[in-house]
Every structure is written in C-alpha cells, then in structure tokens.
C-alpha atoms as a PDB file:
ATOM      1  CA  MET A   1       1.168  29.328 -10.972  1.00  0.00           C
ATOM      2  CA  ALA A   2       3.204  28.302 -13.484  1.00  0.00           C
ATOM      3  CA  GLU A   3       3.178  29.315 -17.519  1.00  0.00           C
ATOM      4  CA  ASP A   4       4.299  27.107 -20.455  1.00  0.00           C
ATOM      5  CA  GLY A   5       5.904  24.656 -18.269  1.00  0.00           C
ATOM      6  CA  ILE A   6       8.190  27.070 -16.320  1.00  0.00           C
ATOM      7  CA  GLU A   7       7.978  27.462 -12.113  1.00  0.00           C
ATOM      8  CA  LYS A   8       8.274  30.245 -10.843  1.00  0.00           C
ATOM      9  CA  PRO A   9       9.441  29.904  -7.449  1.00  0.00           C
ATOM     10  CA  GLY A  10       7.765  31.555  -5.316  1.00  0.00           C
ATOM     11  CA  ARG A  11       7.148  31.419  -1.258  1.00  0.00           C
ATOM     12  CA  PHE A  12       4.444  28.582  -1.756  1.00  0.00           C
ATOM     13  CA  LYS A  13       7.197  26.230  -3.172  1.00  0.00           C
ATOM     14  CA  TYR A  14       8.490  25.136   0.371  1.00  0.00           C
ATOM     15  CA  VAL A  15       4.781  24.222   1.074  1.00  0.00           C
ATOM     16  CA  ASN A  16       4.034  22.243  -1.894  1.00  0.00           C
ATOM     17  CA  LEU A  17       7.891  20.512  -1.006  1.00  0.00           C
ATOM     18  CA  ALA A  18       6.401  20.061   2.682  1.00  0.00           C
ATOM     19  CA  MET A  19       2.873  18.953   1.433  1.00  0.00           C
ATOM     20  CA  GLU A  20       4.925  16.201  -0.940  1.00  0.00           C
ATOM     21  CA  ILE A  21       6.926  14.920   1.809  1.00  0.00           C
ATOM     22  CA  ALA A  22       4.297  14.722   4.588  1.00  0.00           C
ATOM     23  CA  ASP A  23       2.315  12.808   1.814  1.00  0.00           C
ATOM     24  CA  ASP A  24       5.002  10.099   1.396  1.00  0.00           C
ATOM     25  CA  VAL A  25       5.321  10.001   5.022  1.00  0.00           C
ATOM     26  CA  ILE A  26       1.833   9.257   5.292  1.00  0.00           C
ATOM     27  CA  LEU A  27       1.535   6.957   1.978  1.00  0.00           C
ATOM     28  CA  GLY A  28       5.003   4.820   3.625  1.00  0.00           C
ATOM     29  CA  ILE A  29       3.201   4.546   6.814  1.00  0.00           C
ATOM     30  CA  VAL A  30       0.051   3.553   4.973  1.00  0.00           C
ATOM     31  CA  ALA A  31       2.257   0.667   2.809  1.00  0.00           C
ATOM     32  CA  LEU A  32       3.892  -0.342   6.099  1.00  0.00           C
ATOM     33  CA  GLY A  33       0.368  -1.503   7.320  1.00  0.00           C
ATOM     34  CA  ILE A  34      -0.877  -2.823   4.813  1.00  0.00           C
ATOM     35  CA  VAL A  35       2.101  -5.255   4.345  1.00  0.00           C
ATOM     36  CA  GLY A  36       1.739  -5.637   7.640  1.00  0.00           C
ATOM     37  CA  LEU A  37      -1.883  -6.968   7.549  1.00  0.00           C
ATOM     38  CA  ALA A  38      -1.025  -8.897   4.655  1.00  0.00           C
ATOM     39  CA  VAL A  39       1.871 -10.949   6.758  1.00  0.00           C
ATOM     40  CA  VAL A  40      -0.667 -11.387   9.757  1.00  0.00           C
ATOM     41  CA  LEU A  41      -3.174 -13.005   7.689  1.00  0.00           C
ATOM     42  CA  LEU A  42      -0.321 -15.316   5.674  1.00  0.00           C
ATOM     43  CA  ILE A  43       0.430 -16.754   8.925  1.00  0.00           C
ATOM     44  CA  ASP A  44      -3.088 -16.938  10.287  1.00  0.00           C
ATOM     45  CA  ALA A  45      -4.219 -19.012   7.317  1.00  0.00           C
ATOM     46  CA  ILE A  46      -1.275 -21.041   7.628  1.00  0.00           C
ATOM     47  CA  SER A  47      -1.784 -21.453  11.034  1.00  0.00           C
ATOM     48  CA  GLU A  48      -5.268 -22.442  10.526  1.00  0.00           C
ATOM     49  CA  PHE A  49      -4.712 -24.639   7.649  1.00  0.00           C
ATOM     50  CA  ALA A  50      -1.531 -26.300  10.138  1.00  0.00           C
ATOM     51  CA  ARG A  51      -4.489 -26.618  13.093  1.00  0.00           C
ATOM     52  CA  GLU A  52      -6.740 -28.226  11.236  1.00  0.00           C
ATOM     53  CA  ALA A  53      -7.341 -31.956  11.021  1.00  0.00           C
ATOM     54  CA  GLN A  54     -10.089 -31.590   8.235  1.00  0.00           C
ATOM     55  CA  HIS A  55      -8.345 -28.575   6.162  1.00  0.00           C
ATOM     56  CA  ASN A  56     -10.903 -26.210   4.991  1.00  0.00           C
ATOM     57  CA  TYR A  57      -9.841 -25.540   1.803  1.00  0.00           C
ATOM     58  CA  PRO A  58     -12.410 -22.968   1.031  1.00  0.00           C
ATOM     59  CA  TYR A  59     -11.812 -21.196   4.274  1.00  0.00           C
ATOM     60  CA  VAL A  60      -7.800 -20.923   3.263  1.00  0.00           C
ATOM     61  CA  LEU A  61      -8.335 -20.083  -0.281  1.00  0.00           C
ATOM     62  CA  SER A  62     -10.419 -17.042   0.661  1.00  0.00           C
ATOM     63  CA  GLU A  63      -7.711 -16.011   3.433  1.00  0.00           C
ATOM     64  CA  LEU A  64      -4.913 -16.439   0.588  1.00  0.00           C
ATOM     65  CA  MET A  65      -7.155 -14.516  -1.986  1.00  0.00           C
ATOM     66  CA  PHE A  66      -7.482 -12.071   0.628  1.00  0.00           C
ATOM     67  CA  VAL A  67      -4.068 -11.294   1.000  1.00  0.00           C
ATOM     68  CA  PHE A  68      -3.639 -11.002  -2.559  1.00  0.00           C
ATOM     69  CA  ILE A  69      -6.187  -8.364  -2.720  1.00  0.00           C
ATOM     70  CA  ILE A  70      -4.409  -6.484  -0.063  1.00  0.00           C
ATOM     71  CA  MET A  71      -0.880  -6.938  -1.942  1.00  0.00           C
ATOM     72  CA  GLU A  72      -2.204  -5.256  -4.896  1.00  0.00           C
ATOM     73  CA  LEU A  73      -3.267  -2.761  -2.549  1.00  0.00           C
ATOM     74  CA  PHE A  74       0.239  -2.307  -1.767  1.00  0.00           C
ATOM     75  CA  ARG A  75       0.949  -2.138  -4.923  1.00  0.00           C
ATOM     76  CA  GLN A  76      -1.292   0.942  -6.260  1.00  0.00           C
ATOM     77  CA  VAL A  77       0.303   2.899  -2.749  1.00  0.00           C
ATOM     78  CA  LEU A  78       3.576   1.912  -4.014  1.00  0.00           C
ATOM     79  CA  ARG A  79       3.149   3.486  -7.323  1.00  0.00           C
ATOM     80  CA  GLN A  80       1.268   6.389  -5.663  1.00  0.00           C
ATOM     81  CA  ILE A  81       4.649   7.025  -3.824  1.00  0.00           C
ATOM     82  CA  ILE A  82       7.056   6.662  -6.248  1.00  0.00           C
ATOM     83  CA  HIS A  83       4.788   9.060  -8.749  1.00  0.00           C
ATOM     84  CA  GLU A  84       4.233   6.389 -11.313  1.00  0.00           C
ATOM     85  CA  PRO A  85       0.565   6.657 -13.129  1.00  0.00           C
ATOM     86  CA  PHE A  86      -2.299   3.925 -12.573  1.00  0.00           C
ATOM     87  CA  SER A  87      -2.647   0.971 -14.608  1.00  0.00           C
END
C-alpha cells in the first residue's frame, strides 16, 4: 500500500481510521476497568487492615503488590493508547 514512506490515498484509509478509533476505545475501556479493579483492591486491603485486630501484614503486602502489578499493566495499556513503544 505504501511505498517509500508515502501513504497513498485509497478506500481503505477510512477503514484504517475506524479501526484505530475502535482500538483506542476498547483500550480506554480496558484501562478504566484496570484502574477500577486497582481501586477496589486497594480499598479492600485498607479496610481489611483496619478491621483486623491482629494485622495480617503478609496479606496486606500481597494485596498492595497485586495493586502495583495491576497499575503497571495500566501503564502498558496507556502506552499502547498513546502509541509509545513498550519498554
């Protein structure tokens, strides 16, 4: 389709644009879901820590590490949305 870096106009130009928009919308929904999951898990970890008389530190640390992993996943999805290369 494109030779020497020059994009030729064609009937597939709008299809490509529609696919990019759909991809961004889907990734946006995934990003919101990831942030929502991280918030729910963080609230759960904090409330569990506050409720327990004997604090279960390994459980709380495990939950916080899981939140951290989820937020790293969110960062990768965000990079995909703004078209940055993965690290």
